[in-house]
PDB file of N, CA and C in Angstrom:
ATOM      1  N   MET A   1    -205.279 106.542-336.511  1.00  0.00           N
ATOM      2  CA  MET A   1    -205.086 107.873-335.881  1.00  0.00           C
ATOM      3  C   MET A   1    -204.081 108.166-333.819  1.00  0.00           C
ATOM      4  N   ARG A   2    -203.820 107.075-334.580  1.00  0.00           N
ATOM      5  CA  ARG A   2    -202.573 107.285-333.654  1.00  0.00           C
ATOM      6  C   ARG A   2    -201.605 107.529-333.996  1.00  0.00           C
ATOM      7  N   VAL A   3    -201.330 107.211-335.945  1.00  0.00           N
ATOM      8  CA  VAL A   3    -199.748 107.485-336.300  1.00  0.00           C
ATOM      9  C   VAL A   3    -199.666 108.983-336.650  1.00  0.00           C
ATOM     10  N   LEU A   4    -200.936 109.598-336.869  1.00  0.00           N
ATOM     11  CA  LEU A   4    -201.923 110.362-336.647  1.00  0.00           C
ATOM     12  C   LEU A   4    -200.850 112.372-335.207  1.00  0.00           C
ATOM     13  N   ILE A   5    -201.140 111.813-334.331  1.00  0.00           N
ATOM     14  CA  ILE A   5    -200.528 112.395-333.419  1.00  0.00           C
ATOM     15  C   ILE A   5    -199.400 111.949-333.546  1.00  0.00           C
ATOM     16  N   GLU A   6    -198.340 110.462-333.709  1.00  0.00           N
ATOM     17  CA  GLU A   6    -197.644 110.009-333.083  1.00  0.00           C
ATOM     18  C   GLU A   6    -196.525 111.635-334.186  1.00  0.00           C
ATOM     19  N   ALA A   7    -196.895 112.513-335.500  1.00  0.00           N
ATOM     20  CA  ALA A   7    -196.374 112.970-336.276  1.00  0.00           C
ATOM     21  C   ALA A   7    -196.216 113.652-336.231  1.00  0.00           C
ATOM     22  N   ILE A   8    -197.469 114.420-335.334  1.00  0.00           N
ATOM     23  CA  ILE A   8    -197.793 115.634-334.561  1.00  0.00           C
ATOM     24  C   ILE A   8    -196.700 116.657-333.214  1.00  0.00           C
ATOM     25  N   LYS A   9    -196.748 115.154-332.316  1.00  0.00           N
ATOM     26  CA  LYS A   9    -195.307 115.003-331.643  1.00  0.00           C
ATOM     27  C   LYS A   9    -194.115 114.545-331.943  1.00  0.00           C
ATOM     28  N   THR A  10    -193.382 114.432-333.156  1.00  0.00           N
ATOM     29  CA  THR A  10    -192.200 113.958-334.237  1.00  0.00           C
ATOM     30  C   THR A  10    -191.680 115.662-334.384  1.00  0.00           C
ATOM     31  N   ILE A  11    -193.382 116.123-335.106  1.00  0.00           N
ATOM     32  CA  ILE A  11    -193.193 117.760-335.479  1.00  0.00           C
ATOM     33  C   ILE A  11    -193.274 118.285-334.403  1.00  0.00           C
ATOM     34  N   ARG A  12    -193.234 118.282-333.618  1.00  0.00           N
ATOM     35  CA  ARG A  12    -193.746 119.645-332.284  1.00  0.00           C
ATOM     36  C   ARG A  12    -191.855 119.749-332.297  1.00  0.00           C
ATOM     37  N   GLY A  13    -191.285 118.161-331.899  1.00  0.00           N
ATOM     38  CA  GLY A  13    -190.579 117.694-330.873  1.00  0.00           C
ATOM     39  C   GLY A  13    -188.898 118.103-332.205  1.00  0.00           C
ATOM     40  N   ARG A  14    -189.126 117.550-333.499  1.00  0.00           N
ATOM     41  CA  ARG A  14    -188.408 118.768-334.130  1.00  0.00           C
ATOM     42  C   ARG A  14    -188.449 119.891-334.184  1.00  0.00           C
ATOM     43  N   ARG A  15    -188.617 120.385-334.019  1.00  0.00           N
ATOM     44  CA  ARG A  15    -188.912 122.447-333.832  1.00  0.00           C
ATOM     45  C   ARG A  15    -188.152 122.696-333.152  1.00  0.00           C
ATOM     46  N   ARG A  16    -188.786 121.963-331.787  1.00  0.00           N
ATOM     47  CA  ARG A  16    -188.504 122.544-330.693  1.00  0.00           C
ATOM     48  C   ARG A  16    -186.767 122.233-330.313  1.00  0.00           C
ATOM     49  N   ALA A  17    -186.349 121.307-330.987  1.00  0.00           N
ATOM     50  CA  ALA A  17    -184.857 120.836-331.003  1.00  0.00           C
ATOM     51  C   ALA A  17    -184.538 121.635-332.287  1.00  0.00           C
ATOM     52  N   ALA A  18    -184.528 122.152-332.762  1.00  0.00           N
ATOM     53  CA  ALA A  18    -184.138 123.535-333.849  1.00  0.00           C
ATOM     54  C   ALA A  18    -183.827 124.678-333.134  1.00  0.00           C
ATOM     55  N   ASN A  19    -184.740 124.831-332.576  1.00  0.00           N
ATOM     56  CA  ASN A  19    -185.042 126.591-331.862  1.00  0.00           C
ATOM     57  C   ASN A  19    -184.391 125.611-329.722  1.00  0.00           C
ATOM     58  N   GLY A  20    -183.237 124.864-329.565  1.00  0.00           N
ATOM     59  CA  GLY A  20    -183.026 124.784-328.287  1.00  0.00           C
ATOM     60  C   GLY A  20    -183.984 125.221-327.243  1.00  0.00           C
ATOM     61  N   GLY A  21    -185.211 124.095-327.837  1.00  0.00           N
ATOM     62  CA  GLY A  21    -186.218 124.479-326.383  1.00  0.00           C
ATOM     63  C   GLY A  21    -186.278 125.829-326.209  1.00  0.00           C
ATOM     64  N   LEU A  22    -185.564 127.093-326.904  1.00  0.00           N
ATOM     65  CA  LEU A  22    -185.967 128.375-326.338  1.00  0.00           C
ATOM     66  C   LEU A  22    -187.432 129.239-327.034  1.00  0.00           C
ATOM     67  N   ARG A  23    -187.745 129.980-326.184  1.00  0.00           N
ATOM     68  CA  ARG A  23    -188.723 130.500-326.459  1.00  0.00           C
ATOM     69  C   ARG A  23    -188.506 132.539-326.734  1.00  0.00           C
ATOM     70  N   SER A  24    -189.280 133.688-327.198  1.00  0.00           N
ATOM     71  CA  SER A  24    -189.016 135.253-327.302  1.00  0.00           C
ATOM     72  C   SER A  24    -189.951 135.235-326.116  1.00  0.00           C
ATOM     73  N   TYR A  25    -189.174 135.853-324.620  1.00  0.00           N
ATOM     74  CA  TYR A  25    -189.972 136.903-323.520  1.00  0.00           C
ATOM     75  C   TYR A  25    -189.493 137.889-323.543  1.00  0.00           C
ATOM     76  N   THR A  26    -190.280 139.207-323.177  1.00  0.00           N
ATOM     77  CA  THR A  26    -189.275 140.216-323.277  1.00  0.00           C
ATOM     78  C   THR A  26    -190.276 140.805-321.558  1.00  0.00           C
ATOM     79  N   VAL A  27    -189.163 140.822-321.289  1.00  0.00           N
ATOM     80  CA  VAL A  27    -189.747 141.027-319.128  1.00  0.00           C
ATOM     81  C   VAL A  27    -189.221 142.801-318.888  1.00  0.00           C
ATOM     82  N   VAL A  28    -190.102 143.403-318.079  1.00  0.00           N
ATOM     83  CA  VAL A  28    -189.622 144.753-318.009  1.00  0.00           C
ATOM     84  C   VAL A  28    -189.125 144.391-316.563  1.00  0.00           C
ATOM     85  N   LEU A  29    -188.070 145.049-316.432  1.00  0.00           N
ATOM     86  CA  LEU A  29    -187.524 145.693-314.654  1.00  0.00           C
ATOM     87  C   LEU A  29    -187.755 146.984-314.858  1.00  0.00           C
ATOM     88  N   ASP A  30    -188.003 147.654-313.206  1.00  0.00           N
ATOM     89  CA  ASP A  30    -187.926 148.612-313.269  1.00  0.00           C
ATOM     90  C   ASP A  30    -187.067 149.008-311.863  1.00  0.00           C
ATOM     91  N   TRP A  31    -186.347 150.583-311.654  1.00  0.00           N
ATOM     92  CA  TRP A  31    -185.537 150.049-310.896  1.00  0.00           C
ATOM     93  C   TRP A  31    -186.138 150.835-309.349  1.00  0.00           C
ATOM     94  N   ALA A  32    -185.480 150.007-308.470  1.00  0.00           N
ATOM     95  CA  ALA A  32    -186.096 149.597-306.946  1.00  0.00           C
ATOM     96  C   ALA A  32    -185.327 150.939-305.789  1.00  0.00           C
ATOM     97  N   THR A  33    -184.048 151.411-306.079  1.00  0.00           N
ATOM     98  CA  THR A  33    -183.784 152.090-305.259  1.00  0.00           C
ATOM     99  C   THR A  33    -183.688 153.624-305.893  1.00  0.00           C
ATOM    100  N   LYS A  34    -184.121 154.100-304.486  1.00  0.00           N
ATOM    101  CA  LYS A  34    -184.244 156.001-304.687  1.00  0.00           C
ATOM    102  C   LYS A  34    -182.900 156.817-305.699  1.00  0.00           C
ATOM    103  N   GLU A  35    -181.821 156.070-305.038  1.00  0.00           N
ATOM    104  CA  GLU A  35    -180.430 156.903-306.445  1.00  0.00           C
ATOM    105  C   GLU A  35    -181.085 156.395-307.551  1.00  0.00           C
ATOM    106  N   TYR A  36    -181.290 155.582-308.013  1.00  0.00           N
ATOM    107  CA  TYR A  36    -181.569 155.260-309.402  1.00  0.00           C
ATOM    108  C   TYR A  36    -183.279 155.352-310.203  1.00  0.00           C
ATOM    109  N   ALA A  37    -183.684 155.531-309.366  1.00  0.00           N
ATOM    110  CA  ALA A  37    -185.119 155.948-309.428  1.00  0.00           C
ATOM    111  C   ALA A  37    -185.667 156.878-310.890  1.00  0.00           C
ATOM    112  N   HIS A  38    -184.396 157.763-311.109  1.00  0.00           N
ATOM    113  CA  HIS A  38    -184.716 158.572-312.633  1.00  0.00           C
ATOM    114  C   HIS A  38    -184.441 157.864-313.568  1.00  0.00           C
ATOM    115  N   TYR A  39    -183.907 156.939-313.558  1.00  0.00           N
ATOM    116  CA  TYR A  39    -184.224 155.800-314.757  1.00  0.00           C
ATOM    117  C   TYR A  39    -184.661 155.352-315.839  1.00  0.00           C
ATOM    118  N   ALA A  40    -185.349 155.208-316.460  1.00  0.00           N
ATOM    119  CA  ALA A  40    -185.600 154.703-317.335  1.00  0.00           C
ATOM    120  C   ALA A  40    -185.915 153.246-316.776  1.00  0.00           C
ATOM    121  N   PRO A  41    -187.330 152.649-316.991  1.00  0.00           N
ATOM    122  CA  PRO A  41    -187.056 151.113-317.378  1.00  0.00           C
ATOM    123  C   PRO A  41    -186.340 150.476-317.957  1.00  0.00           C
ATOM    124  N   GLU A  42    -186.320 149.350-317.834  1.00  0.00           N
ATOM    125  CA  GLU A  42    -185.741 148.569-318.377  1.00  0.00           C
ATOM    126  C   GLU A  42    -186.542 147.624-319.256  1.00  0.00           C
ATOM    127  N   ILE A  43    -186.415 147.811-320.613  1.00  0.00           N
ATOM    128  CA  ILE A  43    -187.001 146.672-321.296  1.00  0.00           C
ATOM    129  C   ILE A  43    -186.138 145.948-322.103  1.00  0.00           C
ATOM    130  N   VAL A  44    -186.409 144.490-321.906  1.00  0.00           N
ATOM    131  CA  VAL A  44    -185.634 143.304-322.119  1.00  0.00           C
ATOM    132  C   VAL A  44    -185.967 141.938-323.239  1.00  0.00           C
ATOM    133  N   GLN A  45    -185.227 142.268-324.168  1.00  0.00           N
ATOM    134  CA  GLN A  45    -186.116 140.768-324.633  1.00  0.00           C
ATOM    135  C   GLN A  45    -184.786 140.157-324.570  1.00  0.00           C
ATOM    136  N   VAL A  46    -185.369 138.787-324.469  1.00  0.00           N
ATOM    137  CA  VAL A  46    -184.067 137.733-323.997  1.00  0.00           C
ATOM    138  C   VAL A  46    -185.275 136.127-325.087  1.00  0.00           C
ATOM    139  N   ARG A  47    -184.485 135.555-325.442  1.00  0.00           N
ATOM    140  CA  ARG A  47    -184.394 133.524-325.524  1.00  0.00           C
ATOM    141  C   ARG A  47    -184.519 132.812-324.531  1.00  0.00           C
ATOM    142  N   ALA A  48    -185.368 132.711-323.876  1.00  0.00           N
ATOM    143  CA  ALA A  48    -184.519 132.092-322.493  1.00  0.00           C
ATOM    144  C   ALA A  48    -186.205 129.802-322.762  1.00  0.00           C
ATOM    145  N   ALA A  49    -185.891 128.901-321.405  1.00  0.00           N
ATOM    146  CA  ALA A  49    -186.312 128.187-321.597  1.00  0.00           C
ATOM    147  C   ALA A  49    -187.377 128.498-320.990  1.00  0.00           C
ATOM    148  N   SER A  50    -187.296 129.117-319.515  1.00  0.00           N
ATOM    149  CA  SER A  50    -189.226 129.422-318.817  1.00  0.00           C
ATOM    150  C   SER A  50    -188.771 130.856-319.011  1.00  0.00           C
ATOM    151  N   PRO A  51    -189.998 131.504-317.833  1.00  0.00           N
ATOM    152  CA  PRO A  51    -190.493 132.747-317.776  1.00  0.00           C
ATOM    153  C   PRO A  51    -189.441 133.133-316.602  1.00  0.00           C
ATOM    154  N   LEU A  52    -189.014 131.620-315.841  1.00  0.00           N
ATOM    155  CA  LEU A  52    -188.211 132.857-314.892  1.00  0.00           C
ATOM    156  C   LEU A  52    -186.355 132.947-315.359  1.00  0.00           C
ATOM    157  N   ALA A  53    -186.326 131.473-315.683  1.00  0.00           N
ATOM    158  CA  ALA A  53    -184.986 131.630-316.913  1.00  0.00           C
ATOM    159  C   ALA A  53    -184.707 133.048-317.887  1.00  0.00           C
ATOM    160  N   ALA A  54    -186.169 133.438-318.603  1.00  0.00           N
ATOM    161  CA  ALA A  54    -185.547 134.981-318.534  1.00  0.00           C
ATOM    162  C   ALA A  54    -185.889 135.854-318.054  1.00  0.00           C
ATOM    163  N   GLU A  55    -186.471 135.741-317.059  1.00  0.00           N
ATOM    164  CA  GLU A  55    -186.249 136.860-315.869  1.00  0.00           C
ATOM    165  C   GLU A  55    -184.473 137.291-315.102  1.00  0.00           C
ATOM    166  N   MET A  56    -183.929 136.069-315.411  1.00  0.00           N
ATOM    167  CA  MET A  56    -183.008 135.940-314.436  1.00  0.00           C
ATOM    168  C   MET A  56    -181.865 136.461-315.710  1.00  0.00           C
ATOM    169  N   ASP A  57    -181.709 136.098-316.953  1.00  0.00           N
ATOM    170  CA  ASP A  57    -181.151 136.999-318.364  1.00  0.00           C
ATOM    171  C   ASP A  57    -181.469 138.435-318.113  1.00  0.00           C
ATOM    172  N   ALA A  58    -182.916 138.552-318.168  1.00  0.00           N
ATOM    173  CA  ALA A  58    -183.188 139.828-317.850  1.00  0.00           C
ATOM    174  C   ALA A  58    -181.960 140.854-317.238  1.00  0.00           C
ATOM    175  N   TYR A  59    -182.242 140.503-316.052  1.00  0.00           N
ATOM    176  CA  TYR A  59    -181.148 141.063-314.990  1.00  0.00           C
ATOM    177  C   TYR A  59    -179.605 140.920-315.558  1.00  0.00           C
ATOM    178  N   LEU A  60    -179.252 139.681-316.030  1.00  0.00           N
ATOM    179  CA  LEU A  60    -178.537 139.314-316.243  1.00  0.00           C
ATOM    180  C   LEU A  60    -177.650 140.802-317.035  1.00  0.00           C
ATOM    181  N   GLN A  61    -179.059 140.996-318.475  1.00  0.00           N
ATOM    182  CA  GLN A  61    -178.336 141.934-319.424  1.00  0.00           C
ATOM    183  C   GLN A  61    -178.525 143.491-319.238  1.00  0.00           C
ATOM    184  N   ALA A  62    -179.830 143.281-317.889  1.00  0.00           N
ATOM    185  CA  ALA A  62    -179.525 144.746-317.184  1.00  0.00           C
ATOM    186  C   ALA A  62    -177.993 145.075-317.219  1.00  0.00           C
ATOM    187  N   ALA A  63    -178.125 144.755-316.632  1.00  0.00           N
ATOM    188  CA  ALA A  63    -176.757 145.054-315.620  1.00  0.00           C
ATOM    189  C   ALA A  63    -175.284 144.828-316.380  1.00  0.00           C
ATOM    190  N   GLU A  64    -175.303 143.891-317.211  1.00  0.00           N
ATOM    191  CA  GLU A  64    -174.319 144.453-317.894  1.00  0.00           C
ATOM    192  C   GLU A  64    -174.525 145.794-319.010  1.00  0.00           C
ATOM    193  N   ALA A  65    -175.993 146.126-319.123  1.00  0.00           N
ATOM    194  CA  ALA A  65    -176.239 147.519-320.354  1.00  0.00           C
ATOM    195  C   ALA A  65    -175.216 148.296-319.259  1.00  0.00           C
ATOM    196  N   ASN A  66    -176.113 148.458-318.454  1.00  0.00           N
ATOM    197  CA  ASN A  66    -175.728 149.891-316.962  1.00  0.00           C
ATOM    198  C   ASN A  66    -174.565 149.928-316.372  1.00  0.00           C
ATOM    199  N   THR A  67    -173.117 148.764-316.726  1.00  0.00           N
ATOM    200  CA  THR A  67    -172.182 148.382-316.552  1.00  0.00           C
ATOM    201  C   THR A  67    -171.519 150.284-315.766  1.00  0.00           C
ATOM    202  N   HIS A  68    -171.933 150.504-316.810  1.00  0.00           N
ATOM    203  CA  HIS A  68    -170.298 152.067-316.499  1.00  0.00           C
ATOM    204  C   HIS A  68    -171.351 153.156-315.655  1.00  0.00           C
ATOM    205  N   HIS A  69    -173.003 152.932-315.572  1.00  0.00           N
ATOM    206  CA  HIS A  69    -173.497 154.055-315.476  1.00  0.00           C
ATOM    207  C   HIS A  69    -173.683 153.578-313.758  1.00  0.00           C
ATOM    208  N   VAL A  70    -174.215 152.719-313.400  1.00  0.00           N
ATOM    209  CA  VAL A  70    -174.409 151.316-311.879  1.00  0.00           C
ATOM    210  C   VAL A  70    -172.406 151.601-311.306  1.00  0.00           C
ATOM    211  N   ASP A  71    -172.229 152.044-309.705  1.00  0.00           N
ATOM    212  CA  ASP A  71    -170.803 151.832-309.479  1.00  0.00           C
ATOM    213  C   ASP A  71    -170.982 149.518-308.944  1.00  0.00           C
ATOM    214  N   GLN A  72    -172.309 149.620-308.159  1.00  0.00           N
ATOM    215  CA  GLN A  72    -172.430 148.694-307.869  1.00  0.00           C
ATOM    216  C   GLN A  72    -172.236 147.326-308.622  1.00  0.00           C
ATOM    217  N   PHE A  73    -171.991 147.354-310.038  1.00  0.00           N
ATOM    218  CA  PHE A  73    -172.041 146.347-311.460  1.00  0.00           C
ATOM    219  C   PHE A  73    -171.317 146.353-311.491  1.00  0.00           C
ATOM    220  N   GLU A  74    -170.108 147.403-311.298  1.00  0.00           N
ATOM    221  CA  GLU A  74    -168.773 147.716-311.529  1.00  0.00           C
ATOM    222  C   GLU A  74    -168.591 146.539-310.726  1.00  0.00           C
ATOM    223  N   GLN A  75    -168.620 147.287-309.377  1.00  0.00           N
ATOM    224  CA  GLN A  75    -167.885 146.227-308.559  1.00  0.00           C
ATOM    225  C   GLN A  75    -168.012 144.383-308.874  1.00  0.00           C
ATOM    226  N   ALA A  76    -169.253 144.472-309.201  1.00  0.00           N
ATOM    227  CA  ALA A  76    -169.507 142.796-310.010  1.00  0.00           C
ATOM    228  C   ALA A  76    -168.892 142.359-310.607  1.00  0.00           C
ATOM    229  N   VAL A  77    -167.719 141.213-310.597  1.00  0.00           N
ATOM    230  CA  VAL A  77    -167.154 140.589-311.703  1.00  0.00           C
ATOM    231  C   VAL A  77    -167.625 139.461-312.191  1.00  0.00           C
ATOM    232  N   THR A  78    -168.655 138.830-311.422  1.00  0.00           N
ATOM    233  CA  THR A  78    -168.906 138.142-312.188  1.00  0.00           C
ATOM    234  C   THR A  78    -170.559 137.370-312.482  1.00  0.00           C
ATOM    235  N   GLY A  79    -170.300 136.906-314.113  1.00  0.00           N
ATOM    236  CA  GLY A  79    -172.149 137.230-314.382  1.00  0.00           C
ATOM    237  C   GLY A  79    -172.863 137.074-312.865  1.00  0.00           C
ATOM    238  N   ARG A  80    -172.720 135.877-311.737  1.00  0.00           N
ATOM    239  CA  ARG A  80    -173.511 135.014-310.592  1.00  0.00           C
ATOM    240  C   ARG A  80    -174.110 136.314-309.932  1.00  0.00           C
ATOM    241  N   ASP A  81    -172.543 137.666-309.590  1.00  0.00           N
ATOM    242  CA  ASP A  81    -172.791 137.956-308.742  1.00  0.00           C
ATOM    243  C   ASP A  81    -173.795 139.284-308.754  1.00  0.00           C
ATOM    244  N   ARG A  82    -173.156 140.003-310.631  1.00  0.00           N
ATOM    245  CA  ARG A  82    -174.488 140.492-311.132  1.00  0.00           C
ATOM    246  C   ARG A  82    -175.723 140.548-311.229  1.00  0.00           C
ATOM    247  N   VAL A  83    -176.394 139.457-311.153  1.00  0.00           N
ATOM    248  CA  VAL A  83    -177.625 138.891-310.913  1.00  0.00           C
ATOM    249  C   VAL A  83    -178.085 139.167-309.676  1.00  0.00           C
ATOM    250  N   ILE A  84    -177.172 138.940-308.366  1.00  0.00           N
ATOM    251  CA  ILE A  84    -177.265 139.240-307.279  1.00  0.00           C
ATOM    252  C   ILE A  84    -177.636 140.649-307.229  1.00  0.00           C
ATOM    253  N   VAL A  85    -176.700 141.212-307.759  1.00  0.00           N
ATOM    254  CA  VAL A  85    -176.875 142.624-307.589  1.00  0.00           C
ATOM    255  C   VAL A  85    -178.242 143.854-307.960  1.00  0.00           C
ATOM    256  N   ALA A  86    -178.260 142.957-309.376  1.00  0.00           N
ATOM    257  CA  ALA A  86    -179.328 143.476-310.337  1.00  0.00           C
ATOM    258  C   ALA A  86    -180.681 143.049-309.659  1.00  0.00           C
ATOM    259  N   GLY A  87    -180.823 142.166-308.924  1.00  0.00           N
ATOM    260  CA  GLY A  87    -181.708 141.672-307.926  1.00  0.00           C
ATOM    261  C   GLY A  87    -182.248 142.820-306.456  1.00  0.00           C
ATOM    262  N   GLN A  88    -181.062 142.944-306.420  1.00  0.00           N
ATOM    263  CA  GLN A  88    -181.440 143.889-305.221  1.00  0.00           C
ATOM    264  C   GLN A  88    -181.020 145.461-305.663  1.00  0.00           C
ATOM    265  N   LEU A  89    -181.170 146.269-307.241  1.00  0.00           N
ATOM    266  CA  LEU A  89    -181.184 147.315-307.639  1.00  0.00           C
ATOM    267  C   LEU A  89    -182.569 147.749-308.296  1.00  0.00           C
ATOM    268  N   LEU A  90    -183.171 146.278-309.094  1.00  0.00           N
ATOM    269  CA  LEU A  90    -183.787 146.759-309.906  1.00  0.00           C
ATOM    270  C   LEU A  90    -185.283 145.546-309.584  1.00  0.00           C
ATOM    271  N   LYS A  91    -186.226 145.996-309.873  1.00  0.00           N
ATOM    272  CA  LYS A  91    -187.874 144.749-309.451  1.00  0.00           C
ATOM    273  C   LYS A  91    -188.378 144.708-310.782  1.00  0.00           C
ATOM    274  N   HIS A  92    -188.268 143.237-310.808  1.00  0.00           N
ATOM    275  CA  HIS A  92    -189.394 142.650-311.985  1.00  0.00           C
ATOM    276  C   HIS A  92    -190.699 142.784-312.252  1.00  0.00           C
ATOM    277  N   VAL A  93    -191.059 143.695-312.753  1.00  0.00           N
ATOM    278  CA  VAL A  93    -192.495 144.210-313.051  1.00  0.00           C
ATOM    279  C   VAL A  93    -193.085 142.784-313.710  1.00  0.00           C
ATOM    280  N   ALA A  94    -192.645 142.752-315.091  1.00  0.00           N
ATOM    281  CA  ALA A  94    -193.884 141.702-315.612  1.00  0.00           C
ATOM    282  C   ALA A  94    -192.856 140.798-316.697  1.00  0.00           C
ATOM    283  N   THR A  95    -193.287 139.586-316.973  1.00  0.00           N
ATOM    284  CA  THR A  95    -192.640 138.803-317.448  1.00  0.00           C
ATOM    285  C   THR A  95    -193.915 138.654-318.923  1.00  0.00           C
ATOM    286  N   PHE A  96    -193.355 139.263-320.469  1.00  0.00           N
ATOM    287  CA  PHE A  96    -194.776 138.371-321.556  1.00  0.00           C
ATOM    288  C   PHE A  96    -194.345 137.616-322.239  1.00  0.00           C
ATOM    289  N   PRO A  97    -194.879 136.569-323.133  1.00  0.00           N
ATOM    290  CA  PRO A  97    -193.745 135.902-323.722  1.00  0.00           C
ATOM    291  C   PRO A  97    -194.613 135.958-325.549  1.00  0.00           C
ATOM    292  N   GLY A  98    -193.442 136.051-325.910  1.00  0.00           N
ATOM    293  CA  GLY A  98    -193.062 136.941-327.479  1.00  0.00           C
ATOM    294  C   GLY A  98    -192.138 137.699-327.629  1.00  0.00           C
ATOM    295  N   THR A  99    -192.299 138.858-328.669  1.00  0.00           N
ATOM    296  CA  THR A  99    -191.238 140.017-328.757  1.00  0.00           C
ATOM    297  C   THR A  99    -192.341 141.404-328.610  1.00  0.00           C
ATOM    298  N   GLN A 100    -192.263 142.137-327.740  1.00  0.00           N
ATOM    299  CA  GLN A 100    -193.125 143.518-327.457  1.00  0.00           C
ATOM    300  C   GLN A 100    -192.513 144.474-327.741  1.00  0.00           C
ATOM    301  N   TYR A 101    -193.069 145.604-327.958  1.00  0.00           N
ATOM    302  CA  TYR A 101    -192.347 146.842-327.943  1.00  0.00           C
ATOM    303  C   TYR A 101    -193.183 147.562-327.659  1.00  0.00           C
ATOM    304  N   PRO A 102    -192.692 148.397-326.712  1.00  0.00           N
ATOM    305  CA  PRO A 102    -192.874 150.169-326.325  1.00  0.00           C
ATOM    306  C   PRO A 102    -193.971 150.775-327.583  1.00  0.00           C
ATOM    307  N   ILE A 103    -194.987 150.914-326.999  1.00  0.00           N
ATOM    308  CA  ILE A 103    -195.733 152.352-328.229  1.00  0.00           C
ATOM    309  C   ILE A 103    -195.002 153.458-328.093  1.00  0.00           C
ATOM    310  N   GLN A 104    -194.253 154.032-329.092  1.00  0.00           N
ATOM    311  CA  GLN A 104    -193.425 155.287-328.959  1.00  0.00           C
ATOM    312  C   GLN A 104    -194.693 155.833-330.074  1.00  0.00           C
ATOM    313  N   SER A 105    -195.328 156.935-329.724  1.00  0.00           N
ATOM    314  CA  SER A 105    -196.191 158.221-330.636  1.00  0.00           C
ATOM    315  C   SER A 105    -196.305 159.451-330.110  1.00  0.00           C
ATOM    316  N   ASP A 106    -197.188 159.951-330.905  1.00  0.00           N
ATOM    317  CA  ASP A 106    -196.657 161.356-330.314  1.00  0.00           C
ATOM    318  C   ASP A 106    -198.743 161.179-330.227  1.00  0.00           C
ATOM    319  N   LYS A 107    -199.418 161.217-330.072  1.00  0.00           N
ATOM    320  CA  LYS A 107    -200.690 160.909-330.799  1.00  0.00           C
ATOM    321  C   LYS A 107    -201.462 160.698-329.204  1.00  0.00           C
ATOM    322  N   PHE A 108    -200.244 159.998-328.373  1.00  0.00           N
ATOM    323  CA  PHE A 108    -201.220 159.735-326.301  1.00  0.00           C
ATOM    324  C   PHE A 108    -200.541 160.683-326.151  1.00  0.00           C
TER     325      PHE A 108
END
């Protein structure tokens, strides 16, 4: 029995090492300021080690995607500055494990 448990641990360890210990997450961010309230919520798929890391990566990706639309993101030069500005302009709504996509249908 002990050999079986060790074999399972070894297999799981190899899988995690092959994936870099990263998991897929879907993060939903919404615009928190009145200036950008008419913008659609940001739905970002990321690979990260934890939900918090996924949230930070989603802030960075949303900032980079909206650099040309939002003046505050253009002024932020480094990634750290963009994450800070994104944290002020966007609010975290939810983080889901795995890759999720919104339903787009005419039936609703």
